[in-house]
């Protein structure tokens, strides 16, 4: 990558996020829009909105012509990947800004440096809708369940969808982030599902918790198993604890990003992986290879029914079934 491309990409990624949070990308999906109307609809000053759009035009994602702005082919592809920008630029921007202080220990993640949990939840919801949902639906199509728990539920996008599709299905969302659960509670209420979905702000594995949530048949855990594995010495104990906390669960749906084999990598560096592994190093949460997950599943008493690539680079979704011959230790 050239130096100008590296520098201008930094600028462009922030403009991508700004236009997303202003709602501009969505307004251009159906065709070119008048700049005056875009400014009015988004509450922007025309000159400043024009500057944002000109930046994207110079980078090849927008066409500005005769007072209108529209998407190029690259722009349409960008919109399909917008969740990575909300997640990586917005959610982890504070971590990237303080890399030097984090590297020397002058600052610590979780003390002086924090990620933006709300943007992470929103970004994950975008990626879910645009890249992951078809794969998830295919994997789940072969099983039946009347209750589902989503660990690390974020803004409840997935949980709402899973419960809305079946009028008798109930759900439980659990997330350690108060800002995420506040947003999830709001969205559940807006979807008219407050009577069937409960949202809880809690760390379900706190001190390998003895708390129990009976009656849940499917447990979903998306893009956060790395946090659970990093926080405990034995991955199998993490799996056993999940089985104990959800004693009636027959199925577990686990999706996560694993470490990319960079020593064998060739070609362009893909979106997501580079930043994902970098920021987690500075959060003292190492990203592990796929074998670590699969060994933990097997030792913890879960059989792999399906494993599929899952939208983002080096990301996999597993459908696991509880192995009754491997009873969780108590």
Foldseek 3Di string as FASTA:
>chain_A
DDPVCVVLVVVLLVLLVVCVVLVNLVVQPVHKDALVVSCVSSVHDSVVVVVSQVSCVVVPAWDADPRIIHGDPVVVVCQLQSLLSLQQCQFCVQLVVCVVCLVVVVDAEPGPTDGDLLSNLVSVLSLCVRFFVVVVCVVPVVDDFQEEEEEQCFLVNVVLVVCVVDVRHAYEYEYQDPVRLVNNCVVCVVSVNPVRYYYYNDDLCVVLDQAADEDHAEYEYEACVLVVPLVDPALLSSLLSVCNNYVNYFKYKYKHAAQDPVVPDDDDDDRDRVSVQVSCVSNSRHGHHPVSVVVSCVSNAWDWPDWDAGGGPRMIITIIGGHPVRHRDD
